[in-house]
Amino acid sequence: MDLARHKDLSRYKVNPDRPSAVSEVSKGAQNTTPTPRLEALAQPKQPPRSYEPARQAQSIVSAAAQGAEASAWIAALARPKVPHESALKDGTQYEWSEWQSSVTEAAKKATATDRVEALAVAKQPPTVYAPAKSPFWHANPDVKSYVATERLASLSQPRTHRSIHEEDRSVWSVKTATLHAQPSERVVELAAPLPRKQRSKK
């Protein structure tokens, strides 16, 4: 019953403005002088030397940079890029198949050297390369005219299932000696259910 009652806060001197109890500080503690160790611990921790404060969003441009003059190369890079004129045939429309050839007449009439012709020959596949197989299985003509043996013919026949009335009833009969046989202790022990399965259900 005592645990069910509300906690009495009057003996803890609780201040309504503070959620915790008010601690009384003795006169000796109020007039004491801190030691050098306490004063050192009271100092705020200094940031590491590698610490860099957050930079401002605006970039500060120096007066020298504001009065600087751009070089000729900077002025050239500052100009917008001018696209080149399209090399199209006269009297035709803009199509990709109608670009004018940039090959010179001397290059068109040039004769390739033996080295260039050798390099132009397509590379042959390696000797161990096997091409992709056909998705169709082509049967050998000898296989098409093959005659199955009696063993294969018998194995290819579907299995016949006879009804229980057509089967031999002797396979289901139990001998008289078997009916009167007494099991051994080992067989009785193995036939007993497991202890964990003998527990009553809740």
Protein backbone atom coordinates (compact mmCIF):
# COMPACT_ATOMS: atom_id res chain seq x y z
CA MET A 1 0.00 0.00 0.00
CA ASP A 2 2.87 2.41 0.72
CA LEU A 3 4.20 1.99 -2.79
CA ALA A 4 0.76 2.80 -4.25
CA ARG A 5 0.64 6.22 -2.56
CA HIS A 6 2.08 9.39 -4.05
CA LYS A 7 5.59 10.36 -3.08
CA ASP A 8 5.78 12.95 -0.25
CA LEU A 9 7.92 15.79 -1.59
CA SER A 10 7.73 17.99 1.49
CA ARG A 11 10.78 16.38 3.13
CA TYR A 12 12.91 16.92 0.00
CA LYS A 13 12.48 20.76 0.03
CA VAL A 14 11.42 20.89 -3.59
CA ASN A 15 11.29 24.32 -5.20
CA PRO A 16 8.26 24.61 -7.53
CA ASP A 17 10.42 26.42 -10.10
CA ARG A 18 12.99 23.59 -10.20
CA PRO A 19 12.31 19.93 -10.89
CA SER A 20 15.01 18.80 -8.45
CA ALA A 21 15.49 19.28 -4.73
CA VAL A 22 17.25 22.40 -3.40
CA SER A 23 20.63 21.56 -1.91
CA GLU A 24 21.86 23.54 1.09
CA VAL A 25 25.35 25.01 0.74
CA SER A 26 27.28 25.38 3.98
CA LYS A 27 28.98 28.64 5.01
CA GLY A 28 32.38 27.01 4.79
CA ALA A 29 31.74 26.00 1.17
CA GLN A 30 30.56 29.51 0.35
CA ASN A 31 33.72 31.16 1.75
CA THR A 32 36.25 28.63 0.52
CA THR A 33 39.02 29.50 -1.92
CA PRO A 34 39.42 27.21 -4.94
CA THR A 35 42.72 25.50 -5.51
CA PRO A 36 44.79 26.11 -8.64
CA ARG A 37 43.68 22.70 -9.90
CA LEU A 38 40.00 23.67 -9.66
CA GLU A 39 40.66 26.99 -11.39
CA ALA A 40 42.45 25.17 -14.21
CA LEU A 41 39.55 22.76 -14.59
CA ALA A 42 37.07 25.65 -14.61
CA GLN A 43 38.68 27.17 -17.69
CA PRO A 44 36.85 26.39 -20.96
CA LYS A 45 38.55 23.91 -23.26
CA GLN A 46 40.45 25.52 -26.12
CA PRO A 47 39.83 24.29 -29.68
CA PRO A 48 42.67 22.38 -31.39
CA ARG A 49 45.19 24.23 -33.53
CA SER A 50 43.89 22.66 -36.73
CA TYR A 51 40.36 23.96 -36.05
CA GLU A 52 39.05 26.42 -38.63
CA PRO A 53 35.88 28.40 -37.89
CA ALA A 54 33.00 28.45 -40.36
CA ARG A 55 33.65 30.71 -43.31
CA GLN A 56 31.21 33.36 -44.38
CA ALA A 57 29.05 32.83 -47.42
CA GLN A 58 30.26 35.95 -49.21
CA SER A 59 33.73 35.97 -50.75
CA ILE A 60 35.86 38.97 -49.89
CA VAL A 61 37.54 40.39 -52.98
CA SER A 62 40.72 42.30 -52.26
CA ALA A 63 41.26 45.81 -53.53
CA ALA A 64 44.15 44.64 -55.72
CA ALA A 65 41.92 42.05 -57.40
CA GLN A 66 39.22 44.65 -57.99
CA GLY A 67 41.62 46.96 -59.80
CA ALA A 68 43.48 44.25 -61.76
CA GLU A 69 43.41 44.16 -65.55
CA ALA A 70 42.79 40.86 -67.35
CA SER A 71 45.48 39.57 -69.68
CA ALA A 72 44.89 38.90 -73.36
CA TRP A 73 44.59 35.14 -72.71
CA ILE A 74 42.00 35.63 -69.93
CA ALA A 75 40.02 37.98 -72.19
CA ALA A 76 40.11 35.38 -74.99
CA LEU A 77 38.86 32.65 -72.65
CA ALA A 78 36.07 34.93 -71.41
CA ARG A 79 34.58 35.29 -74.90
CA PRO A 80 31.70 32.91 -75.78
CA LYS A 81 32.54 29.97 -77.99
CA VAL A 82 31.61 30.53 -81.63
CA PRO A 83 30.48 27.36 -83.41
CA HIS A 84 32.14 26.55 -86.71
CA GLU A 85 30.18 26.68 -89.91
CA SER A 86 28.79 23.35 -91.02
CA ALA A 87 30.64 21.90 -94.00
CA LEU A 88 27.62 20.93 -96.09
CA LYS A 89 27.30 20.44 -99.80
CA ASP A 90 25.83 23.29 -101.77
CA GLY A 91 22.14 23.05 -102.50
CA THR A 92 21.44 20.25 -99.97
CA GLN A 93 19.58 20.07 -96.69
CA TYR A 94 21.08 19.52 -93.26
CA GLU A 95 21.56 15.75 -93.13
CA TRP A 96 24.27 13.68 -91.51
CA SER A 97 24.88 11.70 -94.69
CA GLU A 98 25.77 14.80 -96.69
CA TRP A 99 28.93 16.02 -94.94
CA GLN A 100 31.69 17.06 -97.27
CA SER A 101 34.72 14.79 -97.22
CA SER A 102 37.86 16.17 -95.59
CA VAL A 103 40.14 13.63 -97.30
CA THR A 104 42.62 15.20 -99.70
CA GLU A 105 42.96 14.11 -103.31
CA ALA A 106 46.54 12.90 -102.68
CA ALA A 107 45.32 10.67 -99.86
CA LYS A 108 42.63 9.20 -102.11
CA LYS A 109 45.23 8.24 -104.75
CA ALA A 110 47.81 6.91 -102.25
CA THR A 111 48.93 3.28 -102.32
CA ALA A 112 49.09 1.35 -99.08
CA THR A 113 52.41 -0.17 -98.06
CA ASP A 114 52.91 -3.82 -97.26
CA ARG A 115 52.88 -3.02 -93.56
CA VAL A 116 49.55 -1.21 -93.79
CA GLU A 117 48.04 -4.08 -95.79
CA ALA A 118 49.27 -6.57 -93.19
CA LEU A 119 47.71 -4.54 -90.41
CA ALA A 120 44.46 -4.29 -92.37
CA VAL A 121 44.01 -8.07 -92.44
CA ALA A 122 41.36 -9.19 -89.96
CA LYS A 123 42.67 -11.04 -86.93
CA GLN A 124 41.96 -14.76 -87.01
CA PRO A 125 40.32 -16.43 -84.02
CA PRO A 126 42.48 -18.70 -81.86
CA THR A 127 42.64 -22.40 -82.53
CA VAL A 128 40.75 -23.25 -79.33
CA TYR A 129 37.84 -20.96 -80.22
CA ALA A 130 34.51 -22.75 -80.50
CA PRO A 131 31.68 -20.92 -82.28
CA ALA A 132 28.22 -20.69 -80.77
CA LYS A 133 26.23 -23.89 -81.04
CA SER A 134 22.98 -24.04 -82.92
CA PRO A 135 19.85 -23.98 -80.72
CA PHE A 136 18.46 -26.85 -82.80
CA TRP A 137 19.62 -30.42 -82.18
CA HIS A 138 20.37 -32.02 -85.52
CA ALA A 139 19.97 -35.77 -85.36
CA ASN A 140 22.42 -37.99 -87.18
CA PRO A 141 20.88 -39.94 -90.12
CA ASP A 142 22.20 -43.16 -88.57
CA VAL A 143 20.33 -42.38 -85.37
CA LYS A 144 17.10 -41.80 -87.28
CA SER A 145 17.28 -45.30 -88.79
CA TYR A 146 18.33 -46.99 -85.52
CA VAL A 147 16.26 -49.93 -84.28
CA ALA A 148 15.87 -50.23 -80.52
CA THR A 149 16.81 -53.46 -78.79
CA GLU A 150 14.35 -55.61 -76.88
CA ARG A 151 15.73 -54.26 -73.59
CA LEU A 152 15.17 -50.65 -74.61
CA ALA A 153 11.72 -51.48 -75.93
CA SER A 154 10.75 -53.11 -72.64
CA LEU A 155 12.11 -50.16 -70.62
CA SER A 156 10.20 -47.69 -72.78
CA GLN A 157 6.87 -49.33 -72.00
CA PRO A 158 4.79 -47.49 -69.39
CA ARG A 159 4.36 -49.14 -66.03
CA THR A 160 1.03 -50.91 -65.55
CA HIS A 161 -0.77 -50.51 -62.24
CA ARG A 162 -3.09 -53.32 -61.30
CA SER A 163 -5.88 -52.92 -58.81
CA ILE A 164 -5.68 -54.53 -55.38
CA HIS A 165 -8.24 -57.10 -56.44
CA GLU A 166 -6.04 -58.31 -59.29
CA GLU A 167 -2.90 -58.68 -57.18
CA ASP A 168 -1.84 -61.76 -55.32
CA ARG A 169 -3.52 -61.84 -51.91
CA SER A 170 -0.70 -63.92 -50.46
CA VAL A 171 1.53 -60.88 -50.11
CA TRP A 172 -0.95 -59.40 -47.61
CA SER A 173 -1.40 -62.49 -45.49
CA VAL A 174 0.32 -62.74 -42.08
CA LYS A 175 1.65 -66.05 -40.88
CA THR A 176 0.26 -67.67 -37.74
CA ALA A 177 3.70 -67.86 -36.12
CA THR A 178 4.09 -64.11 -36.62
CA LEU A 179 0.75 -63.42 -34.94
CA HIS A 180 1.83 -65.36 -31.81
CA ALA A 181 5.39 -64.02 -31.70
CA GLN A 182 6.53 -62.18 -28.53
CA PRO A 183 8.67 -59.04 -29.01
CA SER A 184 11.98 -58.75 -27.20
CA GLU A 185 12.66 -56.19 -24.49
CA ARG A 186 14.66 -54.10 -26.93
CA VAL A 187 11.78 -54.00 -29.41
CA VAL A 188 9.36 -53.01 -26.62
CA GLU A 189 11.76 -50.26 -25.55
CA LEU A 190 12.02 -48.90 -29.07
CA ALA A 191 8.25 -49.05 -29.55
CA ALA A 192 7.58 -46.92 -26.46
CA PRO A 193 6.85 -43.22 -27.18
CA LEU A 194 9.39 -40.60 -26.23
CA PRO A 195 9.05 -39.08 -22.74
CA ARG A 196 8.74 -35.56 -24.15
CA LYS A 197 5.73 -36.67 -26.17
CA GLN A 198 3.96 -38.16 -23.13
CA ARG A 199 3.40 -34.83 -21.42
CA SER A 200 -0.21 -33.86 -21.05
CA LYS A 201 -1.41 -30.95 -23.13
CA LYS A 202 -2.50 -27.77 -21.39
